[in-house]
Amino acid sequence: MIDEWAEDRPKWEQIAEVIRARIADGTYPARSRVPSVQQIVTETGVAVDTAQKVLANLREEGAIYTVRGLGSFVTDPSDGA
């Protein structure tokens, strides 16, 4: 997911940026699942709290929504969300 960390920015911000870019370029299309907390931890080596902050930030922005027990998904702009 990230090959090299920028020292001047928090890791959660950098991971969120990667996911945002993947949403924008269609890698994660509307209504598709984004990486889970555990996948982010495994792929990046960050702590669980950091991975949770990534998803919380993307939810706050409206980029994703979470369905308990199913995961987090890309918001579909046509849903009016």
C-alpha atoms as a PDB file:
ATOM      1  CA  MET A   1       0.000   0.000   0.000  1.00  0.00           C
ATOM      2  CA  ILE A   2       2.741   2.472   0.983  1.00  0.00           C
ATOM      3  CA  ASP A   3       6.355   1.825   0.104  1.00  0.00           C
ATOM      4  CA  GLU A   4       7.882   4.717   2.008  1.00  0.00           C
ATOM      5  CA  TRP A   5       6.485   6.850   4.835  1.00  0.00           C
ATOM      6  CA  ALA A   6       6.736  10.627   4.669  1.00  0.00           C
ATOM      7  CA  GLU A   7       8.165  11.741   7.992  1.00  0.00           C
ATOM      8  CA  ASP A   8       6.335  15.077   7.999  1.00  0.00           C
ATOM      9  CA  ARG A   9       2.793  13.635   7.955  1.00  0.00           C
ATOM     10  CA  PRO A  10       0.943  11.180  10.196  1.00  0.00           C
ATOM     11  CA  LYS A  11       0.747   7.631   8.840  1.00  0.00           C
ATOM     12  CA  TRP A  12      -3.055   7.566   9.075  1.00  0.00           C
ATOM     13  CA  GLU A  13      -3.208  10.613   6.771  1.00  0.00           C
ATOM     14  CA  GLN A  14      -0.942   8.959   4.227  1.00  0.00           C
ATOM     15  CA  ILE A  15      -2.987   5.741   4.223  1.00  0.00           C
ATOM     16  CA  ALA A  16      -6.245   7.683   3.905  1.00  0.00           C
ATOM     17  CA  GLU A  17      -4.741   9.552   0.956  1.00  0.00           C
ATOM     18  CA  VAL A  18      -3.930   6.272  -0.794  1.00  0.00           C
ATOM     19  CA  ILE A  19      -7.468   4.975  -0.275  1.00  0.00           C
ATOM     20  CA  ARG A  20      -8.939   8.316  -1.476  1.00  0.00           C
ATOM     21  CA  ALA A  21      -6.786   8.103  -4.610  1.00  0.00           C
ATOM     22  CA  ARG A  22      -7.936   4.534  -5.244  1.00  0.00           C
ATOM     23  CA  ILE A  23     -11.551   5.643  -4.912  1.00  0.00           C
ATOM     24  CA  ALA A  24     -10.916   8.527  -7.331  1.00  0.00           C
ATOM     25  CA  ASP A  25      -9.195   6.356  -9.939  1.00  0.00           C
ATOM     26  CA  GLY A  26     -11.843   3.625  -9.780  1.00  0.00           C
ATOM     27  CA  THR A  27      -9.731   0.956  -8.102  1.00  0.00           C
ATOM     28  CA  TYR A  28     -12.439   1.003  -5.418  1.00  0.00           C
ATOM     29  CA  PRO A  29     -15.637   1.857  -7.324  1.00  0.00           C
ATOM     30  CA  ALA A  30     -18.871   3.017  -5.691  1.00  0.00           C
ATOM     31  CA  ARG A  31     -20.323   0.476  -3.260  1.00  0.00           C
ATOM     32  CA  SER A  32     -17.192  -1.701  -3.356  1.00  0.00           C
ATOM     33  CA  ARG A  33     -15.477  -2.793  -0.161  1.00  0.00           C
ATOM     34  CA  VAL A  34     -12.393  -0.932   1.003  1.00  0.00           C
ATOM     35  CA  PRO A  35      -9.680  -2.595   3.102  1.00  0.00           C
ATOM     36  CA  SER A  36     -10.693  -3.563   6.621  1.00  0.00           C
ATOM     37  CA  VAL A  37      -8.875  -2.448   9.748  1.00  0.00           C
ATOM     38  CA  GLN A  38      -7.074  -5.794   9.818  1.00  0.00           C
ATOM     39  CA  GLN A  39      -6.092  -5.555   6.137  1.00  0.00           C
ATOM     40  CA  ILE A  40      -4.682  -2.063   6.688  1.00  0.00           C
ATOM     41  CA  VAL A  41      -2.730  -3.302   9.720  1.00  0.00           C
ATOM     42  CA  THR A  42      -1.362  -6.280   7.789  1.00  0.00           C
ATOM     43  CA  GLU A  43      -0.463  -4.309   4.656  1.00  0.00           C
ATOM     44  CA  THR A  44       1.093  -1.291   6.365  1.00  0.00           C
ATOM     45  CA  GLY A  45       2.288  -2.482   9.766  1.00  0.00           C
ATOM     46  CA  VAL A  46       0.466   0.306  11.610  1.00  0.00           C
ATOM     47  CA  ALA A  47      -1.362  -0.196  14.905  1.00  0.00           C
ATOM     48  CA  VAL A  48      -5.063  -1.079  15.020  1.00  0.00           C
ATOM     49  CA  ASP A  49      -5.871   2.389  16.429  1.00  0.00           C
ATOM     50  CA  THR A  50      -4.154   3.993  13.438  1.00  0.00           C
ATOM     51  CA  ALA A  51      -6.084   1.845  10.956  1.00  0.00           C
ATOM     52  CA  GLN A  52      -9.337   2.657  12.755  1.00  0.00           C
ATOM     53  CA  LYS A  53      -8.519   6.359  12.497  1.00  0.00           C
ATOM     54  CA  VAL A  54      -8.056   6.003   8.725  1.00  0.00           C
ATOM     55  CA  LEU A  55     -11.527   4.535   8.280  1.00  0.00           C
ATOM     56  CA  ALA A  56     -13.107   6.972  10.755  1.00  0.00           C
ATOM     57  CA  ASN A  57     -11.641   9.903   8.844  1.00  0.00           C
ATOM     58  CA  LEU A  58     -12.896   8.587   5.501  1.00  0.00           C
ATOM     59  CA  ARG A  59     -16.359   8.050   7.044  1.00  0.00           C
ATOM     60  CA  GLU A  60     -16.393  11.611   8.406  1.00  0.00           C
ATOM     61  CA  GLU A  61     -15.545  12.911   4.930  1.00  0.00           C
ATOM     62  CA  GLY A  62     -18.396  10.888   3.463  1.00  0.00           C
ATOM     63  CA  ALA A  63     -16.051   8.897   1.218  1.00  0.00           C
ATOM     64  CA  ILE A  64     -17.063   5.577   2.789  1.00  0.00           C
ATOM     65  CA  TYR A  65     -19.770   4.099   4.966  1.00  0.00           C
ATOM     66  CA  THR A  66     -19.566   1.115   7.296  1.00  0.00           C
ATOM     67  CA  VAL A  67     -22.091  -1.671   7.743  1.00  0.00           C
ATOM     68  CA  ARG A  68     -21.523  -3.420  11.046  1.00  0.00           C
ATOM     69  CA  GLY A  69     -20.479  -7.007  10.462  1.00  0.00           C
ATOM     70  CA  LEU A  70     -19.975  -6.494   6.714  1.00  0.00           C
ATOM     71  CA  GLY A  71     -17.232  -3.909   6.349  1.00  0.00           C
ATOM     72  CA  SER A  72     -16.663  -0.476   4.874  1.00  0.00           C
ATOM     73  CA  PHE A  73     -17.747   0.500   1.385  1.00  0.00           C
ATOM     74  CA  VAL A  74     -17.262   3.382  -1.040  1.00  0.00           C
ATOM     75  CA  THR A  75     -20.130   5.852  -0.926  1.00  0.00           C
ATOM     76  CA  ASP A  76     -22.104   6.076  -4.159  1.00  0.00           C
ATOM     77  CA  PRO A  77     -22.596   9.766  -4.976  1.00  0.00           C
ATOM     78  CA  SER A  78     -25.837   8.930  -6.805  1.00  0.00           C
ATOM     79  CA  ASP A  79     -27.322   7.766  -3.477  1.00  0.00           C
ATOM     80  CA  GLY A  80     -27.345  11.365  -2.284  1.00  0.00           C
ATOM     81  CA  ALA A  81     -25.106  10.557   0.675  1.00  0.00           C
END
